[in-house]
């Protein structure tokens, strides 16, 4: 049974990791509602206590390809105990997303993405 489980995990990763890569690419675009949706989902997985939950209605309003990628990654996450962005080697990308989309969160030493206006 263990060999079958290992093969299933390998198969799952072969199509879910590309979905995760696509979501990361979208979230780093910082110029669209799709990017915000992808970032919200990824940051929820990364640290829901710090970054909050994902808005399901926002996901429903997106196109089918991003919804599909979110569903794939979500299923992978909930079915793989201990799976985390850092464990997969994505810690740096997730930190960058946090800096872009949650710059007010000092816990992450976030950088400002918009120029600060002096009055």
PDB file of N, CA and C in Angstrom:
ATOM      1  N   UNK A   1       0.821  -1.191   0.000  1.00  0.00           N
ATOM      2  CA  UNK A   1       0.000   0.000   0.000  1.00  0.00           C
ATOM      3  C   UNK A   1       0.867   1.258   0.000  1.00  0.00           C
ATOM      4  N   UNK A   2       1.993   1.245   0.669  1.00  0.00           N
ATOM      5  CA  UNK A   2       2.883   2.404   0.737  1.00  0.00           C
ATOM      6  C   UNK A   2       3.386   2.791  -0.648  1.00  0.00           C
ATOM      7  N   UNK A   3       3.749   1.835  -1.473  1.00  0.00           N
ATOM      8  CA  UNK A   3       4.234   2.120  -2.825  1.00  0.00           C
ATOM      9  C   UNK A   3       3.146   2.790  -3.658  1.00  0.00           C
ATOM     10  N   UNK A   4       1.909   2.343  -3.505  1.00  0.00           N
ATOM     11  CA  UNK A   4       0.791   2.955  -4.237  1.00  0.00           C
ATOM     12  C   UNK A   4       0.583   4.390  -3.784  1.00  0.00           C
ATOM     13  N   UNK A   5       0.693   4.641  -2.473  1.00  0.00           N
ATOM     14  CA  UNK A   5       0.551   6.002  -1.958  1.00  0.00           C
ATOM     15  C   UNK A   5       1.667   6.901  -2.482  1.00  0.00           C
ATOM     16  N   UNK A   6       2.903   6.387  -2.494  1.00  0.00           N
ATOM     17  CA  UNK A   6       4.035   7.172  -3.007  1.00  0.00           C
ATOM     18  C   UNK A   6       3.839   7.509  -4.489  1.00  0.00           C
ATOM     19  N   UNK A   7       3.358   6.549  -5.269  1.00  0.00           N
ATOM     20  CA  UNK A   7       3.115   6.792  -6.694  1.00  0.00           C
ATOM     21  C   UNK A   7       2.010   7.826  -6.876  1.00  0.00           C
ATOM     22  N   UNK A   8       0.984   7.757  -6.035  1.00  0.00           N
ATOM     23  CA  UNK A   8      -0.114   8.722  -6.113  1.00  0.00           C
ATOM     24  C   UNK A   8       0.375  10.132  -5.789  1.00  0.00           C
ATOM     25  N   UNK A   9       1.210  10.265  -4.767  1.00  0.00           N
ATOM     26  CA  UNK A   9       1.765  11.567  -4.399  1.00  0.00           C
ATOM     27  C   UNK A   9       2.613  12.112  -5.537  1.00  0.00           C
ATOM     28  N   UNK A  10       3.436  11.272  -6.145  1.00  0.00           N
ATOM     29  CA  UNK A  10       4.291  11.710  -7.254  1.00  0.00           C
ATOM     30  C   UNK A  10       3.447  12.160  -8.440  1.00  0.00           C
ATOM     31  N   UNK A  11       2.380  11.423  -8.737  1.00  0.00           N
ATOM     32  CA  UNK A  11       1.490  11.808  -9.839  1.00  0.00           C
ATOM     33  C   UNK A  11       0.799  13.118  -9.521  1.00  0.00           C
ATOM     34  N   UNK A  12       0.292  13.253  -8.316  1.00  0.00           N
ATOM     35  CA  UNK A  12      -0.370  14.485  -7.908  1.00  0.00           C
ATOM     36  C   UNK A  12       0.580  15.662  -8.031  1.00  0.00           C
ATOM     37  N   UNK A  13       1.790  15.513  -7.551  1.00  0.00           N
ATOM     38  CA  UNK A  13       2.755  16.608  -7.617  1.00  0.00           C
ATOM     39  C   UNK A  13       3.102  16.972  -9.056  1.00  0.00           C
ATOM     40  N   UNK A  14       3.076  16.004  -9.957  1.00  0.00           N
ATOM     41  CA  UNK A  14       3.456  16.282 -11.344  1.00  0.00           C
ATOM     42  C   UNK A  14       2.496  17.251 -12.032  1.00  0.00           C
ATOM     43  N   UNK A  15       1.253  17.313 -11.600  1.00  0.00           N
ATOM     44  CA  UNK A  15       0.350  18.293 -12.208  1.00  0.00           C
ATOM     45  C   UNK A  15      -0.039  19.425 -11.268  1.00  0.00           C
ATOM     46  N   UNK A  16       0.169  19.258  -9.958  1.00  0.00           N
ATOM     47  CA  UNK A  16      -0.175  20.356  -9.049  1.00  0.00           C
ATOM     48  C   UNK A  16       0.971  21.351  -8.894  1.00  0.00           C
ATOM     49  N   UNK A  17       2.192  20.905  -8.968  1.00  0.00           N
ATOM     50  CA  UNK A  17       3.309  21.850  -8.869  1.00  0.00           C
ATOM     51  C   UNK A  17       3.278  22.859 -10.023  1.00  0.00           C
ATOM     52  N   UNK A  18       3.008  22.446 -11.261  1.00  0.00           N
ATOM     53  CA  UNK A  18       2.868  23.454 -12.316  1.00  0.00           C
ATOM     54  C   UNK A  18       1.716  24.429 -12.047  1.00  0.00           C
ATOM     55  N   UNK A  19       0.633  23.947 -11.445  1.00  0.00           N
ATOM     56  CA  UNK A  19      -0.479  24.844 -11.082  1.00  0.00           C
ATOM     57  C   UNK A  19      -0.007  25.851 -10.044  1.00  0.00           C
ATOM     58  N   UNK A  20       0.770  25.386  -9.063  1.00  0.00           N
ATOM     59  CA  UNK A  20       1.328  26.287  -8.058  1.00  0.00           C
ATOM     60  C   UNK A  20       2.260  27.303  -8.709  1.00  0.00           C
ATOM     61  N   UNK A  21       3.088  26.863  -9.619  1.00  0.00           N
ATOM     62  CA  UNK A  21       3.996  27.783 -10.321  1.00  0.00           C
ATOM     63  C   UNK A  21       3.222  28.860 -11.083  1.00  0.00           C
ATOM     64  N   UNK A  22       2.127  28.453 -11.722  1.00  0.00           N
ATOM     65  CA  UNK A  22       1.316  29.442 -12.447  1.00  0.00           C
ATOM     66  C   UNK A  22       0.704  30.457 -11.488  1.00  0.00           C
ATOM     67  N   UNK A  23       0.205  29.985 -10.340  1.00  0.00           N
ATOM     68  CA  UNK A  23      -0.367  30.909  -9.355  1.00  0.00           C
ATOM     69  C   UNK A  23       0.690  31.866  -8.812  1.00  0.00           C
ATOM     70  N   UNK A  24       1.879  31.367  -8.578  1.00  0.00           N
ATOM     71  CA  UNK A  24       2.966  32.241  -8.124  1.00  0.00           C
ATOM     72  C   UNK A  24       3.278  33.306  -9.173  1.00  0.00           C
ATOM     73  N   UNK A  25       3.366  32.904 -10.420  1.00  0.00           N
ATOM     74  CA  UNK A  25       3.633  33.866 -11.497  1.00  0.00           C
ATOM     75  C   UNK A  25       2.542  34.934 -11.550  1.00  0.00           C
ATOM     76  N   UNK A  26       1.290  34.517 -11.439  1.00  0.00           N
ATOM     77  CA  UNK A  26       0.178  35.466 -11.473  1.00  0.00           C
ATOM     78  C   UNK A  26       0.241  36.412 -10.280  1.00  0.00           C
ATOM     79  N   UNK A  27       0.465  35.875  -9.093  1.00  0.00           N
ATOM     80  CA  UNK A  27       0.490  36.693  -7.874  1.00  0.00           C
ATOM     81  C   UNK A  27       1.608  37.728  -7.906  1.00  0.00           C
ATOM     82  N   UNK A  28       2.679  37.429  -8.596  1.00  0.00           N
ATOM     83  CA  UNK A  28       3.802  38.366  -8.673  1.00  0.00           C
ATOM     84  C   UNK A  28       3.602  39.436  -9.742  1.00  0.00           C
ATOM     85  N   UNK A  29       2.526  39.342 -10.524  1.00  0.00           N
ATOM     86  CA  UNK A  29       2.243  40.352 -11.546  1.00  0.00           C
ATOM     87  C   UNK A  29       1.843  41.700 -10.950  1.00  0.00           C
ATOM     88  N   UNK A  30       1.152  41.675  -9.831  1.00  0.00           N
ATOM     89  CA  UNK A  30       0.656  42.851  -9.104  1.00  0.00           C
ATOM     90  C   UNK A  30      -0.112  43.868  -9.935  1.00  0.00           C
ATOM     91  N   UNK A  31      -0.838  43.419 -10.934  1.00  0.00           N
ATOM     92  CA  UNK A  31      -1.552  44.398 -11.747  1.00  0.00           C
ATOM     93  C   UNK A  31      -2.972  43.993 -12.112  1.00  0.00           C
ATOM     94  N   UNK A  32      -3.512  42.988 -11.478  1.00  0.00           N
ATOM     95  CA  UNK A  32      -4.830  42.532 -11.884  1.00  0.00           C
ATOM     96  C   UNK A  32      -5.587  41.926 -10.703  1.00  0.00           C
ATOM     97  N   UNK A  33      -6.881  41.768 -10.917  1.00  0.00           N
ATOM     98  CA  UNK A  33      -7.695  41.091  -9.907  1.00  0.00           C
ATOM     99  C   UNK A  33      -7.310  39.617  -9.809  1.00  0.00           C
ATOM    100  N   UNK A  34      -6.877  39.035 -10.921  1.00  0.00           N
ATOM    101  CA  UNK A  34      -6.396  37.654 -10.878  1.00  0.00           C
ATOM    102  C   UNK A  34      -5.167  37.545  -9.978  1.00  0.00           C
ATOM    103  N   UNK A  35      -4.286  38.536 -10.080  1.00  0.00           N
ATOM    104  CA  UNK A  35      -3.087  38.545  -9.243  1.00  0.00           C
ATOM    105  C   UNK A  35      -3.458  38.658  -7.772  1.00  0.00           C
ATOM    106  N   UNK A  36      -4.402  39.532  -7.460  1.00  0.00           N
ATOM    107  CA  UNK A  36      -4.845  39.682  -6.065  1.00  0.00           C
ATOM    108  C   UNK A  36      -5.454  38.377  -5.553  1.00  0.00           C
ATOM    109  N   UNK A  37      -6.277  37.744  -6.382  1.00  0.00           N
ATOM    110  CA  UNK A  37      -6.915  36.492  -5.989  1.00  0.00           C
ATOM    111  C   UNK A  37      -5.867  35.400  -5.744  1.00  0.00           C
ATOM    112  N   UNK A  38      -4.926  35.259  -6.665  1.00  0.00           N
ATOM    113  CA  UNK A  38      -3.862  34.258  -6.496  1.00  0.00           C
ATOM    114  C   UNK A  38      -3.046  34.558  -5.245  1.00  0.00           C
ATOM    115  N   UNK A  39      -2.709  35.823  -5.028  1.00  0.00           N
ATOM    116  CA  UNK A  39      -1.935  36.200  -3.843  1.00  0.00           C
ATOM    117  C   UNK A  39      -2.707  35.908  -2.563  1.00  0.00           C
ATOM    118  N   UNK A  40      -3.987  36.241  -2.535  1.00  0.00           N
ATOM    119  CA  UNK A  40      -4.793  35.967  -1.339  1.00  0.00           C
ATOM    120  C   UNK A  40      -4.819  34.479  -1.019  1.00  0.00           C
ATOM    121  N   UNK A  41      -4.998  33.659  -2.045  1.00  0.00           N
ATOM    122  CA  UNK A  41      -5.015  32.216  -1.828  1.00  0.00           C
ATOM    123  C   UNK A  41      -3.660  31.726  -1.312  1.00  0.00           C
ATOM    124  N   UNK A  42      -2.591  32.139  -1.974  1.00  0.00           N
ATOM    125  CA  UNK A  42      -1.259  31.673  -1.582  1.00  0.00           C
ATOM    126  C   UNK A  42      -0.881  32.150  -0.187  1.00  0.00           C
ATOM    127  N   UNK A  43      -1.223  33.388   0.146  1.00  0.00           N
ATOM    128  CA  UNK A  43      -0.899  33.895   1.481  1.00  0.00           C
ATOM    129  C   UNK A  43      -1.755  33.225   2.547  1.00  0.00           C
ATOM    130  N   UNK A  44      -2.976  32.860   2.217  1.00  0.00           N
ATOM    131  CA  UNK A  44      -3.800  32.096   3.161  1.00  0.00           C
ATOM    132  C   UNK A  44      -3.091  30.785   3.500  1.00  0.00           C
ATOM    133  N   UNK A  45      -2.579  30.105   2.483  1.00  0.00           N
ATOM    134  CA  UNK A  45      -1.873  28.846   2.721  1.00  0.00           C
ATOM    135  C   UNK A  45      -0.592  29.103   3.504  1.00  0.00           C
ATOM    136  N   UNK A  46       0.122  30.119   3.174  1.00  0.00           N
ATOM    137  CA  UNK A  46       1.411  30.422   3.797  1.00  0.00           C
ATOM    138  C   UNK A  46       1.263  30.715   5.283  1.00  0.00           C
ATOM    139  N   UNK A  47       0.279  31.558   5.638  1.00  0.00           N
ATOM    140  CA  UNK A  47       0.087  31.911   7.044  1.00  0.00           C
ATOM    141  C   UNK A  47      -1.261  32.598   7.209  1.00  0.00           C
ATOM    142  N   UNK A  48      -2.306  31.806   7.357  1.00  0.00           N
ATOM    143  CA  UNK A  48      -3.660  32.350   7.458  1.00  0.00           C
ATOM    144  C   UNK A  48      -3.827  33.263   8.663  1.00  0.00           C
ATOM    145  N   UNK A  49      -3.140  32.983   9.761  1.00  0.00           N
ATOM    146  CA  UNK A  49      -3.257  33.836  10.935  1.00  0.00           C
ATOM    147  C   UNK A  49      -2.748  35.249  10.650  1.00  0.00           C
ATOM    148  N   UNK A  50      -1.697  35.350   9.886  1.00  0.00           N
ATOM    149  CA  UNK A  50      -1.121  36.655   9.573  1.00  0.00           C
ATOM    150  C   UNK A  50      -1.797  37.332   8.389  1.00  0.00           C
ATOM    151  N   UNK A  51      -2.221  36.555   7.394  1.00  0.00           N
ATOM    152  CA  UNK A  51      -2.678  37.145   6.140  1.00  0.00           C
ATOM    153  C   UNK A  51      -4.156  36.967   5.847  1.00  0.00           C
ATOM    154  N   UNK A  52      -4.869  36.243   6.677  1.00  0.00           N
ATOM    155  CA  UNK A  52      -6.306  36.122   6.506  1.00  0.00           C
ATOM    156  C   UNK A  52      -6.729  35.010   5.567  1.00  0.00           C
ATOM    157  N   UNK A  53      -8.038  34.961   5.377  1.00  0.00           N
ATOM    158  CA  UNK A  53      -8.653  33.907   4.578  1.00  0.00           C
ATOM    159  C   UNK A  53      -8.821  34.358   3.137  1.00  0.00           C
ATOM    160  N   UNK A  54      -9.158  33.414   2.309  1.00  0.00           N
ATOM    161  CA  UNK A  54      -9.438  33.723   0.906  1.00  0.00           C
ATOM    162  C   UNK A  54     -10.939  33.943   0.739  1.00  0.00           C
ATOM    163  N   UNK A  55     -11.282  34.868  -0.121  1.00  0.00           N
ATOM    164  CA  UNK A  55     -12.675  35.167  -0.423  1.00  0.00           C
ATOM    165  C   UNK A  55     -13.125  34.246  -1.555  1.00  0.00           C
ATOM    166  N   UNK A  56     -13.993  33.314  -1.236  1.00  0.00           N
ATOM    167  CA  UNK A  56     -14.451  32.341  -2.228  1.00  0.00           C
ATOM    168  C   UNK A  56     -15.169  33.035  -3.385  1.00  0.00           C
ATOM    169  N   UNK A  57     -15.918  34.086  -3.103  1.00  0.00           N
ATOM    170  CA  UNK A  57     -16.608  34.805  -4.179  1.00  0.00           C
ATOM    171  C   UNK A  57     -15.604  35.433  -5.147  1.00  0.00           C
ATOM    172  N   UNK A  58     -14.470  35.877  -4.630  1.00  0.00           N
ATOM    173  CA  UNK A  58     -13.431  36.424  -5.511  1.00  0.00           C
ATOM    174  C   UNK A  58     -12.871  35.335  -6.414  1.00  0.00           C
ATOM    175  N   UNK A  59     -12.737  34.127  -5.883  1.00  0.00           N
ATOM    176  CA  UNK A  59     -12.262  33.007  -6.705  1.00  0.00           C
ATOM    177  C   UNK A  59     -13.302  32.671  -7.771  1.00  0.00           C
ATOM    178  N   UNK A  60     -14.559  32.633  -7.376  1.00  0.00           N
ATOM    179  CA  UNK A  60     -15.627  32.308  -8.322  1.00  0.00           C
ATOM    180  C   UNK A  60     -15.704  33.319  -9.466  1.00  0.00           C
ATOM    181  N   UNK A  61     -15.310  34.556  -9.210  1.00  0.00           N
ATOM    182  CA  UNK A  61     -15.375  35.614 -10.222  1.00  0.00           C
ATOM    183  C   UNK A  61     -14.207  35.563 -11.215  1.00  0.00           C
ATOM    184  N   UNK A  62     -13.225  34.734 -10.959  1.00  0.00           N
ATOM    185  CA  UNK A  62     -12.068  34.635 -11.841  1.00  0.00           C
ATOM    186  C   UNK A  62     -12.338  33.649 -12.973  1.00  0.00           C
ATOM    187  N   UNK A  63     -11.432  33.614 -13.915  1.00  0.00           N
ATOM    188  CA  UNK A  63     -11.555  32.717 -15.058  1.00  0.00           C
ATOM    189  C   UNK A  63     -11.346  31.263 -14.679  1.00  0.00           C
ATOM    190  N   UNK A  64     -11.739  30.359 -15.576  1.00  0.00           N
ATOM    191  CA  UNK A  64     -11.666  28.932 -15.265  1.00  0.00           C
ATOM    192  C   UNK A  64     -10.254  28.412 -15.019  1.00  0.00           C
ATOM    193  N   UNK A  65      -9.248  28.954 -15.688  1.00  0.00           N
ATOM    194  CA  UNK A  65      -7.894  28.403 -15.510  1.00  0.00           C
ATOM    195  C   UNK A  65      -7.349  28.709 -14.113  1.00  0.00           C
ATOM    196  N   UNK A  66      -7.565  29.918 -13.610  1.00  0.00           N
ATOM    197  CA  UNK A  66      -7.065  30.234 -12.266  1.00  0.00           C
ATOM    198  C   UNK A  66      -7.884  29.487 -11.214  1.00  0.00           C
ATOM    199  N   UNK A  67      -9.187  29.362 -11.426  1.00  0.00           N
ATOM    200  CA  UNK A  67     -10.004  28.582 -10.485  1.00  0.00           C
ATOM    201  C   UNK A  67      -9.523  27.141 -10.441  1.00  0.00           C
ATOM    202  N   UNK A  68      -9.227  26.576 -11.597  1.00  0.00           N
ATOM    203  CA  UNK A  68      -8.748  25.197 -11.670  1.00  0.00           C
ATOM    204  C   UNK A  68      -7.425  25.048 -10.916  1.00  0.00           C
ATOM    205  N   UNK A  69      -6.505  25.976 -11.121  1.00  0.00           N
ATOM    206  CA  UNK A  69      -5.214  25.903 -10.429  1.00  0.00           C
ATOM    207  C   UNK A  69      -5.384  26.019  -8.919  1.00  0.00           C
ATOM    208  N   UNK A  70      -6.263  26.904  -8.478  1.00  0.00           N
ATOM    209  CA  UNK A  70      -6.504  27.046  -7.033  1.00  0.00           C
ATOM    210  C   UNK A  70      -7.077  25.753  -6.469  1.00  0.00           C
ATOM    211  N   UNK A  71      -8.033  25.157  -7.156  1.00  0.00           N
ATOM    212  CA  UNK A  71      -8.624  23.902  -6.683  1.00  0.00           C
ATOM    213  C   UNK A  71      -7.575  22.797  -6.618  1.00  0.00           C
ATOM    214  N   UNK A  72      -6.742  22.689  -7.637  1.00  0.00           N
ATOM    215  CA  UNK A  72      -5.684  21.667  -7.627  1.00  0.00           C
ATOM    216  C   UNK A  72      -4.751  21.839  -6.437  1.00  0.00           C
ATOM    217  N   UNK A  73      -4.275  23.059  -6.240  1.00  0.00           N
ATOM    218  CA  UNK A  73      -3.332  23.307  -5.144  1.00  0.00           C
ATOM    219  C   UNK A  73      -4.017  23.116  -3.797  1.00  0.00           C
ATOM    220  N   UNK A  74      -5.252  23.587  -3.673  1.00  0.00           N
ATOM    221  CA  UNK A  74      -5.982  23.412  -2.420  1.00  0.00           C
ATOM    222  C   UNK A  74      -6.121  21.924  -2.081  1.00  0.00           C
ATOM    223  N   UNK A  75      -6.519  21.109  -3.063  1.00  0.00           N
ATOM    224  CA  UNK A  75      -6.662  19.670  -2.823  1.00  0.00           C
ATOM    225  C   UNK A  75      -5.326  19.051  -2.424  1.00  0.00           C
ATOM    226  N   UNK A  76      -4.259  19.474  -3.060  1.00  0.00           N
ATOM    227  CA  UNK A  76      -2.917  18.971  -2.731  1.00  0.00           C
ATOM    228  C   UNK A  76      -2.560  19.318  -1.295  1.00  0.00           C
ATOM    229  N   UNK A  77      -2.825  20.551  -0.911  1.00  0.00           N
ATOM    230  CA  UNK A  77      -2.484  21.016   0.438  1.00  0.00           C
ATOM    231  C   UNK A  77      -3.265  20.246   1.499  1.00  0.00           C
ATOM    232  N   UNK A  78      -4.578  20.134   1.312  1.00  0.00           N
ATOM    233  CA  UNK A  78      -5.364  19.483   2.370  1.00  0.00           C
ATOM    234  C   UNK A  78      -5.174  17.975   2.419  1.00  0.00           C
ATOM    235  N   UNK A  79      -4.693  17.391   1.338  1.00  0.00           N
ATOM    236  CA  UNK A  79      -4.479  15.941   1.311  1.00  0.00           C
ATOM    237  C   UNK A  79      -3.042  15.524   1.596  1.00  0.00           C
ATOM    238  N   UNK A  80      -2.166  16.495   1.862  1.00  0.00           N
ATOM    239  CA  UNK A  80      -0.760  16.185   2.109  1.00  0.00           C
ATOM    240  C   UNK A  80      -0.321  16.838   3.414  1.00  0.00           C
ATOM    241  N   UNK A  81      -0.459  16.117   4.526  1.00  0.00           N
ATOM    242  CA  UNK A  81      -0.057  16.690   5.811  1.00  0.00           C
ATOM    243  C   UNK A  81       1.405  17.149   5.792  1.00  0.00           C
ATOM    244  N   UNK A  82       1.635  18.306   6.346  1.00  0.00           N
ATOM    245  CA  UNK A  82       2.998  18.832   6.434  1.00  0.00           C
ATOM    246  C   UNK A  82       3.468  19.570   5.198  1.00  0.00           C
ATOM    247  N   UNK A  83       2.656  19.593   4.144  1.00  0.00           N
ATOM    248  CA  UNK A  83       3.041  20.296   2.927  1.00  0.00           C
ATOM    249  C   UNK A  83       2.997  21.795   3.188  1.00  0.00           C
ATOM    250  N   UNK A  84       4.089  22.460   2.892  1.00  0.00           N
ATOM    251  CA  UNK A  84       4.147  23.909   3.097  1.00  0.00           C
ATOM    252  C   UNK A  84       4.984  24.531   1.986  1.00  0.00           C
ATOM    253  N   UNK A  85       4.778  25.827   1.754  1.00  0.00           N
ATOM    254  CA  UNK A  85       5.590  26.503   0.738  1.00  0.00           C
ATOM    255  C   UNK A  85       7.089  26.373   1.005  1.00  0.00           C
ATOM    256  N   UNK A  86       7.481  26.521   2.256  1.00  0.00           N
ATOM    257  CA  UNK A  86       8.908  26.420   2.582  1.00  0.00           C
ATOM    258  C   UNK A  86       9.433  25.015   2.345  1.00  0.00           C
ATOM    259  N   UNK A  87       8.640  24.002   2.693  1.00  0.00           N
ATOM    260  CA  UNK A  87       9.065  22.616   2.484  1.00  0.00           C
ATOM    261  C   UNK A  87       9.250  22.304   1.002  1.00  0.00           C
ATOM    262  N   UNK A  88       8.503  22.998   0.162  1.00  0.00           N
ATOM    263  CA  UNK A  88       8.608  22.795  -1.289  1.00  0.00           C
ATOM    264  C   UNK A  88       9.679  23.672  -1.932  1.00  0.00           C
ATOM    265  N   UNK A  89      10.320  24.534  -1.129  1.00  0.00           N
ATOM    266  CA  UNK A  89      11.366  25.401  -1.660  1.00  0.00           C
ATOM    267  C   UNK A  89      10.865  26.728  -2.205  1.00  0.00           C
ATOM    268  N   UNK A  90       9.653  27.113  -1.824  1.00  0.00           N
ATOM    269  CA  UNK A  90       9.052  28.342  -2.339  1.00  0.00           C
ATOM    270  C   UNK A  90       9.024  29.477  -1.308  1.00  0.00           C
ATOM    271  N   UNK A  91       9.725  29.334  -0.227  1.00  0.00           N
ATOM    272  CA  UNK A  91       9.677  30.345   0.827  1.00  0.00           C
ATOM    273  C   UNK A  91       9.979  31.757   0.339  1.00  0.00           C
ATOM    274  N   UNK A  92      10.997  31.895  -0.490  1.00  0.00           N
ATOM    275  CA  UNK A  92      11.388  33.217  -0.985  1.00  0.00           C
ATOM    276  C   UNK A  92      10.296  33.852  -1.844  1.00  0.00           C
ATOM    277  N   UNK A  93       9.673  33.069  -2.718  1.00  0.00           N
ATOM    278  CA  UNK A  93       8.604  33.595  -3.558  1.00  0.00           C
ATOM    279  C   UNK A  93       7.403  34.028  -2.716  1.00  0.00           C
ATOM    280  N   UNK A  94       7.076  33.246  -1.697  1.00  0.00           N
ATOM    281  CA  UNK A  94       5.942  33.591  -0.841  1.00  0.00           C
ATOM    282  C   UNK A  94       6.252  34.843  -0.022  1.00  0.00           C
ATOM    283  N   UNK A  95       7.481  34.983   0.418  1.00  0.00           N
ATOM    284  CA  UNK A  95       7.866  36.207   1.140  1.00  0.00           C
ATOM    285  C   UNK A  95       7.727  37.423   0.232  1.00  0.00           C
ATOM    286  N   UNK A  96       8.106  37.290  -1.021  1.00  0.00           N
ATOM    287  CA  UNK A  96       7.980  38.391  -1.973  1.00  0.00           C
ATOM    288  C   UNK A  96       6.510  38.750  -2.194  1.00  0.00           C
ATOM    289  N   UNK A  97       5.664  37.747  -2.303  1.00  0.00           N
ATOM    290  CA  UNK A  97       4.228  37.996  -2.451  1.00  0.00           C
ATOM    291  C   UNK A  97       3.698  38.726  -1.219  1.00  0.00           C
ATOM    292  N   UNK A  98       4.145  38.315  -0.050  1.00  0.00           N
ATOM    293  CA  UNK A  98       3.727  39.001   1.174  1.00  0.00           C
ATOM    294  C   UNK A  98       4.184  40.458   1.160  1.00  0.00           C
ATOM    295  N   UNK A  99       5.381  40.713   0.695  1.00  0.00           N
ATOM    296  CA  UNK A  99       5.891  42.080   0.626  1.00  0.00           C
ATOM    297  C   UNK A  99       5.080  42.927  -0.344  1.00  0.00           C
ATOM    298  N   UNK A 100       4.681  42.344  -1.448  1.00  0.00           N
ATOM    299  CA  UNK A 100       3.926  43.066  -2.466  1.00  0.00           C
ATOM    300  C   UNK A 100       2.494  43.333  -2.005  1.00  0.00           C
ATOM    301  N   UNK A 101       1.817  42.285  -1.528  1.00  0.00           N
ATOM    302  CA  UNK A 101       0.390  42.376  -1.272  1.00  0.00           C
ATOM    303  C   UNK A 101       0.021  42.720   0.159  1.00  0.00           C
ATOM    304  N   UNK A 102       0.954  42.572   1.095  1.00  0.00           N
ATOM    305  CA  UNK A 102       0.672  42.905   2.495  1.00  0.00           C
ATOM    306  C   UNK A 102       1.807  43.753   3.078  1.00  0.00           C
ATOM    307  N   UNK A 103       2.121  44.890   2.450  1.00  0.00           N
ATOM    308  CA  UNK A 103       3.266  45.683   2.902  1.00  0.00           C
ATOM    309  C   UNK A 103       3.090  46.265   4.298  1.00  0.00           C
ATOM    310  N   UNK A 104       1.869  46.348   4.792  1.00  0.00           N
ATOM    311  CA  UNK A 104       1.625  46.895   6.117  1.00  0.00           C
ATOM    312  C   UNK A 104       1.974  45.921   7.233  1.00  0.00           C
ATOM    313  N   UNK A 105       2.235  44.685   6.907  1.00  0.00           N
ATOM    314  CA  UNK A 105       2.504  43.660   7.910  1.00  0.00           C
ATOM    315  C   UNK A 105       3.968  43.698   8.320  1.00  0.00           C
ATOM    316  N   UNK A 106       4.265  44.374   9.414  1.00  0.00           N
ATOM    317  CA  UNK A 106       5.635  44.526   9.884  1.00  0.00           C
ATOM    318  C   UNK A 106       6.286  43.230  10.310  1.00  0.00           C
ATOM    319  N   UNK A 107       5.489  42.233  10.677  1.00  0.00           N
ATOM    320  CA  UNK A 107       6.037  40.950  11.123  1.00  0.00           C
ATOM    321  C   UNK A 107       6.900  40.318  10.042  1.00  0.00           C
ATOM    322  N   UNK A 108       6.600  40.632   8.787  1.00  0.00           N
ATOM    323  CA  UNK A 108       7.337  40.059   7.672  1.00  0.00           C
ATOM    324  C   UNK A 108       8.420  41.008   7.149  1.00  0.00           C
ATOM    325  N   UNK A 109       8.620  42.134   7.843  1.00  0.00           N
ATOM    326  CA  UNK A 109       9.579  43.141   7.369  1.00  0.00           C
ATOM    327  C   UNK A 109       9.285  43.521   5.923  1.00  0.00           C
ATOM    328  N   UNK A 110       8.023  43.761   5.652  1.00  0.00           N
ATOM    329  CA  UNK A 110       7.591  44.039   4.292  1.00  0.00           C
ATOM    330  C   UNK A 110       8.132  45.380   3.807  1.00  0.00           C
ATOM    331  N   UNK A 111       8.319  45.464   2.496  1.00  0.00           N
ATOM    332  CA  UNK A 111       8.779  46.703   1.886  1.00  0.00           C
ATOM    333  C   UNK A 111       7.600  47.454   1.315  1.00  0.00           C
ATOM    334  N   UNK A 112       7.719  48.746   1.139  1.00  0.00           N
ATOM    335  CA  UNK A 112       6.681  49.535   0.508  1.00  0.00           C
ATOM    336  C   UNK A 112       6.751  49.301  -0.993  1.00  0.00           C
ATOM    337  N   UNK A 113       5.614  49.076  -1.618  1.00  0.00           N
ATOM    338  CA  UNK A 113       5.608  48.912  -3.065  1.00  0.00           C
ATOM    339  C   UNK A 113       5.144  50.183  -3.758  1.00  0.00           C
ATOM    340  N   UNK A 114       4.553  51.097  -3.007  1.00  0.00           N
ATOM    341  CA  UNK A 114       4.112  52.373  -3.544  1.00  0.00           C
ATOM    342  C   UNK A 114       4.967  53.474  -2.927  1.00  0.00           C
ATOM    343  N   UNK A 115       5.281  54.519  -3.688  1.00  0.00           N
ATOM    344  CA  UNK A 115       6.058  55.613  -3.125  1.00  0.00           C
ATOM    345  C   UNK A 115       5.278  56.292  -1.998  1.00  0.00           C
ATOM    346  N   UNK A 116       5.994  56.682  -0.987  1.00  0.00           N
ATOM    347  CA  UNK A 116       5.391  57.388   0.137  1.00  0.00           C
ATOM    348  C   UNK A 116       5.364  58.871  -0.182  1.00  0.00           C
ATOM    349  N   UNK A 117       4.188  59.472  -0.044  1.00  0.00           N
ATOM    350  CA  UNK A 117       4.053  60.894  -0.319  1.00  0.00           C
ATOM    351  C   UNK A 117       4.372  61.706   0.935  1.00  0.00           C
ATOM    352  N   UNK A 118       5.152  62.713   0.776  1.00  0.00           N
ATOM    353  CA  UNK A 118       5.408  63.605   1.893  1.00  0.00           C
ATOM    354  C   UNK A 118       4.462  64.784   1.770  1.00  0.00           C
ATOM    355  N   UNK A 119       3.944  65.214   2.909  1.00  0.00           N
ATOM    356  CA  UNK A 119       2.975  66.316   2.872  1.00  0.00           C
ATOM    357  C   UNK A 119       3.578  67.574   3.434  1.00  0.00           C
TER     358      UNK A 119
END
